[in-house]
């Protein structure tokens, strides 16, 4: 799993997910990683969208969510 962390760090691509083969401690760690990547991807997408609108002069948008 270390390689996938490095890939995300190098590319900034939060769409990477690990394949789950078991539901032991390793599999649960993989699931937690996938959930973290999903949360980060959603948060960064939301922030990017709002910042783009702000850059165009639309100050009515806001960022909300549980991250």
PDB file of N, CA and C in Angstrom:
ATOM      1  N   UNK A   1       0.823  -1.195   0.000  1.00  0.00           N
ATOM      2  CA  UNK A   1       0.000   0.000   0.000  1.00  0.00           C
ATOM      3  C   UNK A   1       0.865   1.256   0.000  1.00  0.00           C
ATOM      4  N   UNK A   2       2.102   1.129   0.407  1.00  0.00           N
ATOM      5  CA  UNK A   2       2.999   2.279   0.421  1.00  0.00           C
ATOM      6  C   UNK A   2       3.170   2.863  -0.971  1.00  0.00           C
ATOM      7  N   UNK A   3       3.204   2.004  -1.998  1.00  0.00           N
ATOM      8  CA  UNK A   3       3.370   2.489  -3.373  1.00  0.00           C
ATOM      9  C   UNK A   3       2.209   3.381  -3.793  1.00  0.00           C
ATOM     10  N   UNK A   4       1.015   3.041  -3.384  1.00  0.00           N
ATOM     11  CA  UNK A   4      -0.138   3.859  -3.776  1.00  0.00           C
ATOM     12  C   UNK A   4      -0.126   5.204  -3.054  1.00  0.00           C
ATOM     13  N   UNK A   5       0.362   5.242  -1.808  1.00  0.00           N
ATOM     14  CA  UNK A   5       0.509   6.525  -1.109  1.00  0.00           C
ATOM     15  C   UNK A   5       1.494   7.402  -1.866  1.00  0.00           C
ATOM     16  N   UNK A   6       2.596   6.819  -2.295  1.00  0.00           N
ATOM     17  CA  UNK A   6       3.620   7.553  -3.044  1.00  0.00           C
ATOM     18  C   UNK A   6       3.051   8.067  -4.360  1.00  0.00           C
ATOM     19  N   UNK A   7       2.251   7.245  -5.028  1.00  0.00           N
ATOM     20  CA  UNK A   7       1.644   7.659  -6.297  1.00  0.00           C
ATOM     21  C   UNK A   7       0.718   8.858  -6.096  1.00  0.00           C
ATOM     22  N   UNK A   8      -0.084   8.818  -5.055  1.00  0.00           N
ATOM     23  CA  UNK A   8      -0.975   9.957  -4.759  1.00  0.00           C
ATOM     24  C   UNK A   8      -0.139  11.187  -4.449  1.00  0.00           C
ATOM     25  N   UNK A   9       0.907  11.021  -3.677  1.00  0.00           N
ATOM     26  CA  UNK A   9       1.777  12.138  -3.322  1.00  0.00           C
ATOM     27  C   UNK A   9       2.439  12.730  -4.572  1.00  0.00           C
ATOM     28  N   UNK A  10       2.908  11.886  -5.456  1.00  0.00           N
ATOM     29  CA  UNK A  10       3.613  12.354  -6.643  1.00  0.00           C
ATOM     30  C   UNK A  10       2.688  12.997  -7.672  1.00  0.00           C
ATOM     31  N   UNK A  11       1.489  12.457  -7.837  1.00  0.00           N
ATOM     32  CA  UNK A  11       0.601  12.914  -8.908  1.00  0.00           C
ATOM     33  C   UNK A  11      -0.518  13.836  -8.436  1.00  0.00           C
ATOM     34  N   UNK A  12      -0.864  13.768  -7.153  1.00  0.00           N
ATOM     35  CA  UNK A  12      -1.997  14.532  -6.654  1.00  0.00           C
ATOM     36  C   UNK A  12      -3.325  13.947  -7.097  1.00  0.00           C
ATOM     37  N   UNK A  13      -3.300  12.714  -7.587  1.00  0.00           N
ATOM     38  CA  UNK A  13      -4.504  12.036  -8.073  1.00  0.00           C
ATOM     39  C   UNK A  13      -5.140  11.253  -6.935  1.00  0.00           C
ATOM     40  N   UNK A  14      -6.256  11.767  -6.429  1.00  0.00           N
ATOM     41  CA  UNK A  14      -6.933  11.136  -5.296  1.00  0.00           C
ATOM     42  C   UNK A  14      -7.961  10.096  -5.729  1.00  0.00           C
ATOM     43  N   UNK A  15      -7.973   9.741  -7.017  1.00  0.00           N
ATOM     44  CA  UNK A  15      -8.927   8.743  -7.484  1.00  0.00           C
ATOM     45  C   UNK A  15      -8.398   7.315  -7.321  1.00  0.00           C
ATOM     46  N   UNK A  16      -7.148   7.179  -6.928  1.00  0.00           N
ATOM     47  CA  UNK A  16      -6.572   5.847  -6.732  1.00  0.00           C
ATOM     48  C   UNK A  16      -7.252   5.126  -5.574  1.00  0.00           C
ATOM     49  N   UNK A  17      -7.552   3.876  -5.787  1.00  0.00           N
ATOM     50  CA  UNK A  17      -8.150   3.041  -4.741  1.00  0.00           C
ATOM     51  C   UNK A  17      -7.396   1.726  -4.691  1.00  0.00           C
ATOM     52  N   UNK A  18      -7.419   1.097  -3.528  1.00  0.00           N
ATOM     53  CA  UNK A  18      -6.802  -0.219  -3.390  1.00  0.00           C
ATOM     54  C   UNK A  18      -7.884  -1.282  -3.543  1.00  0.00           C
ATOM     55  N   UNK A  19      -7.494  -2.415  -4.094  1.00  0.00           N
ATOM     56  CA  UNK A  19      -8.431  -3.529  -4.210  1.00  0.00           C
ATOM     57  C   UNK A  19      -8.433  -4.290  -2.894  1.00  0.00           C
ATOM     58  N   UNK A  20      -9.614  -4.639  -2.444  1.00  0.00           N
ATOM     59  CA  UNK A  20      -9.777  -5.354  -1.180  1.00  0.00           C
ATOM     60  C   UNK A  20      -9.926  -6.841  -1.493  1.00  0.00           C
ATOM     61  N   UNK A  21      -9.061  -7.631  -0.877  1.00  0.00           N
ATOM     62  CA  UNK A  21      -9.094  -9.078  -1.087  1.00  0.00           C
ATOM     63  C   UNK A  21      -9.597  -9.834   0.133  1.00  0.00           C
ATOM     64  N   UNK A  22      -9.601  -9.178   1.279  1.00  0.00           N
ATOM     65  CA  UNK A  22     -10.029  -9.849   2.501  1.00  0.00           C
ATOM     66  C   UNK A  22     -10.624  -8.807   3.439  1.00  0.00           C
ATOM     67  N   UNK A  23     -11.263  -9.278   4.470  1.00  0.00           N
ATOM     68  CA  UNK A  23     -11.852  -8.364   5.449  1.00  0.00           C
ATOM     69  C   UNK A  23     -11.237  -8.571   6.821  1.00  0.00           C
ATOM     70  N   UNK A  24      -9.936  -8.889   6.812  1.00  0.00           N
ATOM     71  CA  UNK A  24      -9.180  -8.938   8.052  1.00  0.00           C
ATOM     72  C   UNK A  24      -8.637  -7.526   8.309  1.00  0.00           C
ATOM     73  N   UNK A  25      -7.637  -7.404   9.162  1.00  0.00           N
ATOM     74  CA  UNK A  25      -7.096  -6.084   9.498  1.00  0.00           C
ATOM     75  C   UNK A  25      -6.537  -5.379   8.269  1.00  0.00           C
ATOM     76  N   UNK A  26      -5.901  -6.114   7.386  1.00  0.00           N
ATOM     77  CA  UNK A  26      -5.331  -5.510   6.175  1.00  0.00           C
ATOM     78  C   UNK A  26      -6.455  -5.015   5.252  1.00  0.00           C
ATOM     79  N   UNK A  27      -7.458  -5.820   5.068  1.00  0.00           N
ATOM     80  CA  UNK A  27      -8.585  -5.413   4.235  1.00  0.00           C
ATOM     81  C   UNK A  27      -9.315  -4.210   4.797  1.00  0.00           C
ATOM     82  N   UNK A  28      -9.487  -4.183   6.109  1.00  0.00           N
ATOM     83  CA  UNK A  28     -10.148  -3.043   6.751  1.00  0.00           C
ATOM     84  C   UNK A  28      -9.308  -1.777   6.621  1.00  0.00           C
ATOM     85  N   UNK A  29      -7.989  -1.933   6.665  1.00  0.00           N
ATOM     86  CA  UNK A  29      -7.101  -0.789   6.454  1.00  0.00           C
ATOM     87  C   UNK A  29      -7.258  -0.269   5.029  1.00  0.00           C
ATOM     88  N   UNK A  30      -7.351  -1.186   4.074  1.00  0.00           N
ATOM     89  CA  UNK A  30      -7.580  -0.795   2.686  1.00  0.00           C
ATOM     90  C   UNK A  30      -8.906  -0.070   2.511  1.00  0.00           C
ATOM     91  N   UNK A  31      -9.943  -0.563   3.165  1.00  0.00           N
ATOM     92  CA  UNK A  31     -11.247   0.107   3.119  1.00  0.00           C
ATOM     93  C   UNK A  31     -11.159   1.519   3.694  1.00  0.00           C
ATOM     94  N   UNK A  32     -10.464   1.660   4.811  1.00  0.00           N
ATOM     95  CA  UNK A  32     -10.310   2.976   5.429  1.00  0.00           C
ATOM     96  C   UNK A  32      -9.549   3.916   4.496  1.00  0.00           C
ATOM     97  N   UNK A  33      -8.521   3.397   3.828  1.00  0.00           N
ATOM     98  CA  UNK A  33      -7.763   4.195   2.867  1.00  0.00           C
ATOM     99  C   UNK A  33      -8.688   4.666   1.746  1.00  0.00           C
ATOM    100  N   UNK A  34      -9.482   3.759   1.200  1.00  0.00           N
ATOM    101  CA  UNK A  34     -10.393   4.111   0.111  1.00  0.00           C
ATOM    102  C   UNK A  34     -11.400   5.166   0.541  1.00  0.00           C
ATOM    103  N   UNK A  35     -11.914   5.052   1.747  1.00  0.00           N
ATOM    104  CA  UNK A  35     -12.851   6.056   2.264  1.00  0.00           C
ATOM    105  C   UNK A  35     -12.173   7.411   2.419  1.00  0.00           C
ATOM    106  N   UNK A  36     -10.924   7.396   2.899  1.00  0.00           N
ATOM    107  CA  UNK A  36     -10.164   8.636   3.043  1.00  0.00           C
ATOM    108  C   UNK A  36      -9.952   9.295   1.685  1.00  0.00           C
ATOM    109  N   UNK A  37      -9.566   8.517   0.692  1.00  0.00           N
ATOM    110  CA  UNK A  37      -9.343   9.063  -0.648  1.00  0.00           C
ATOM    111  C   UNK A  37     -10.638   9.629  -1.225  1.00  0.00           C
ATOM    112  N   UNK A  38     -11.760   8.961  -0.996  1.00  0.00           N
ATOM    113  CA  UNK A  38     -13.056   9.454  -1.469  1.00  0.00           C
ATOM    114  C   UNK A  38     -13.400  10.786  -0.806  1.00  0.00           C
ATOM    115  N   UNK A  39     -13.191  10.879   0.505  1.00  0.00           N
ATOM    116  CA  UNK A  39     -13.467  12.118   1.230  1.00  0.00           C
ATOM    117  C   UNK A  39     -12.580  13.250   0.733  1.00  0.00           C
ATOM    118  N   UNK A  40     -11.301  12.975   0.564  1.00  0.00           N
ATOM    119  CA  UNK A  40     -10.375  14.005   0.080  1.00  0.00           C
ATOM    120  C   UNK A  40     -10.719  14.434  -1.341  1.00  0.00           C
ATOM    121  N   UNK A  41     -11.029  13.483  -2.192  1.00  0.00           N
ATOM    122  CA  UNK A  41     -11.377  13.793  -3.576  1.00  0.00           C
ATOM    123  C   UNK A  41     -12.627  14.677  -3.626  1.00  0.00           C
ATOM    124  N   UNK A  42     -13.619  14.349  -2.824  1.00  0.00           N
ATOM    125  CA  UNK A  42     -14.851  15.140  -2.780  1.00  0.00           C
ATOM    126  C   UNK A  42     -14.576  16.546  -2.244  1.00  0.00           C
ATOM    127  N   UNK A  43     -13.817  16.632  -1.155  1.00  0.00           N
ATOM    128  CA  UNK A  43     -13.520  17.934  -0.553  1.00  0.00           C
ATOM    129  C   UNK A  43     -12.728  18.811  -1.513  1.00  0.00           C
ATOM    130  N   UNK A  44     -11.723  18.253  -2.152  1.00  0.00           N
ATOM    131  CA  UNK A  44     -10.903  19.039  -3.076  1.00  0.00           C
ATOM    132  C   UNK A  44     -11.726  19.466  -4.282  1.00  0.00           C
ATOM    133  N   UNK A  45     -12.586  18.592  -4.770  1.00  0.00           N
ATOM    134  CA  UNK A  45     -13.467  18.955  -5.882  1.00  0.00           C
ATOM    135  C   UNK A  45     -14.402  20.096  -5.522  1.00  0.00           C
ATOM    136  N   UNK A  46     -14.967  20.032  -4.327  1.00  0.00           N
ATOM    137  CA  UNK A  46     -15.870  21.086  -3.858  1.00  0.00           C
ATOM    138  C   UNK A  46     -15.120  22.409  -3.720  1.00  0.00           C
ATOM    139  N   UNK A  47     -13.957  22.360  -3.120  1.00  0.00           N
ATOM    140  CA  UNK A  47     -13.147  23.573  -2.930  1.00  0.00           C
ATOM    141  C   UNK A  47     -12.775  24.165  -4.283  1.00  0.00           C
ATOM    142  N   UNK A  48     -12.358  23.335  -5.218  1.00  0.00           N
ATOM    143  CA  UNK A  48     -11.977  23.820  -6.550  1.00  0.00           C
ATOM    144  C   UNK A  48     -13.152  24.492  -7.246  1.00  0.00           C
ATOM    145  N   UNK A  49     -14.330  23.884  -7.146  1.00  0.00           N
ATOM    146  CA  UNK A  49     -15.518  24.443  -7.778  1.00  0.00           C
ATOM    147  C   UNK A  49     -15.872  25.805  -7.191  1.00  0.00           C
ATOM    148  N   UNK A  50     -15.857  25.891  -5.881  1.00  0.00           N
ATOM    149  CA  UNK A  50     -16.193  27.158  -5.225  1.00  0.00           C
ATOM    150  C   UNK A  50     -15.142  28.218  -5.536  1.00  0.00           C
ATOM    151  N   UNK A  51     -13.874  27.844  -5.523  1.00  0.00           N
ATOM    152  CA  UNK A  51     -12.817  28.821  -5.803  1.00  0.00           C
ATOM    153  C   UNK A  51     -12.899  29.331  -7.243  1.00  0.00           C
ATOM    154  N   UNK A  52     -13.282  28.455  -8.170  1.00  0.00           N
ATOM    155  CA  UNK A  52     -13.446  28.889  -9.552  1.00  0.00           C
ATOM    156  C   UNK A  52     -14.564  29.918  -9.649  1.00  0.00           C
ATOM    157  N   UNK A  53     -15.670  29.673  -8.955  1.00  0.00           N
ATOM    158  CA  UNK A  53     -16.787  30.621  -8.973  1.00  0.00           C
ATOM    159  C   UNK A  53     -16.405  31.938  -8.311  1.00  0.00           C
ATOM    160  N   UNK A  54     -15.645  31.869  -7.223  1.00  0.00           N
ATOM    161  CA  UNK A  54     -15.188  33.088  -6.554  1.00  0.00           C
ATOM    162  C   UNK A  54     -14.276  33.883  -7.488  1.00  0.00           C
ATOM    163  N   UNK A  55     -13.406  33.180  -8.223  1.00  0.00           N
ATOM    164  CA  UNK A  55     -12.500  33.875  -9.140  1.00  0.00           C
ATOM    165  C   UNK A  55     -13.257  34.595 -10.256  1.00  0.00           C
ATOM    166  N   UNK A  56     -14.472  34.139 -10.539  1.00  0.00           N
ATOM    167  CA  UNK A  56     -15.309  34.775 -11.557  1.00  0.00           C
ATOM    168  C   UNK A  56     -16.242  35.833 -10.966  1.00  0.00           C
ATOM    169  N   UNK A  57     -16.098  36.079  -9.663  1.00  0.00           N
ATOM    170  CA  UNK A  57     -16.881  37.131  -9.016  1.00  0.00           C
ATOM    171  C   UNK A  57     -18.140  36.668  -8.326  1.00  0.00           C
ATOM    172  N   UNK A  58     -18.394  35.380  -8.296  1.00  0.00           N
ATOM    173  CA  UNK A  58     -19.582  34.862  -7.620  1.00  0.00           C
ATOM    174  C   UNK A  58     -19.203  34.525  -6.174  1.00  0.00           C
ATOM    175  N   UNK A  59     -19.616  35.395  -5.261  1.00  0.00           N
ATOM    176  CA  UNK A  59     -19.280  35.216  -3.850  1.00  0.00           C
ATOM    177  C   UNK A  59     -20.428  34.606  -3.065  1.00  0.00           C
ATOM    178  N   UNK A  60     -21.421  34.072  -3.747  1.00  0.00           N
ATOM    179  CA  UNK A  60     -22.577  33.483  -3.077  1.00  0.00           C
ATOM    180  C   UNK A  60     -22.353  32.004  -2.707  1.00  0.00           C
ATOM    181  N   UNK A  61     -21.387  31.359  -3.341  1.00  0.00           N
ATOM    182  CA  UNK A  61     -21.119  29.950  -3.090  1.00  0.00           C
ATOM    183  C   UNK A  61     -20.387  29.787  -1.755  1.00  0.00           C
ATOM    184  N   UNK A  62     -20.600  28.657  -1.139  1.00  0.00           N
ATOM    185  CA  UNK A  62     -19.866  28.368   0.095  1.00  0.00           C
ATOM    186  C   UNK A  62     -19.507  26.897   0.135  1.00  0.00           C
ATOM    187  N   UNK A  63     -18.599  26.562   0.990  1.00  0.00           N
ATOM    188  CA  UNK A  63     -18.159  25.188   1.165  1.00  0.00           C
ATOM    189  C   UNK A  63     -18.818  24.659   2.423  1.00  0.00           C
ATOM    190  N   UNK A  64     -19.529  23.567   2.258  1.00  0.00           N
ATOM    191  CA  UNK A  64     -20.149  22.947   3.432  1.00  0.00           C
ATOM    192  C   UNK A  64     -20.019  21.445   3.291  1.00  0.00           C
ATOM    193  N   UNK A  65     -19.988  20.793   4.393  1.00  0.00           N
ATOM    194  CA  UNK A  65     -19.878  19.337   4.375  1.00  0.00           C
ATOM    195  C   UNK A  65     -19.135  18.860   5.609  1.00  0.00           C
ATOM    196  N   UNK A  66     -19.236  17.614   5.837  1.00  0.00           N
ATOM    197  CA  UNK A  66     -18.507  17.015   6.954  1.00  0.00           C
ATOM    198  C   UNK A  66     -17.310  16.294   6.378  1.00  0.00           C
ATOM    199  N   UNK A  67     -16.149  16.837   6.624  1.00  0.00           N
ATOM    200  CA  UNK A  67     -14.935  16.248   6.045  1.00  0.00           C
ATOM    201  C   UNK A  67     -14.042  15.730   7.135  1.00  0.00           C
TER     202      UNK A  67
END
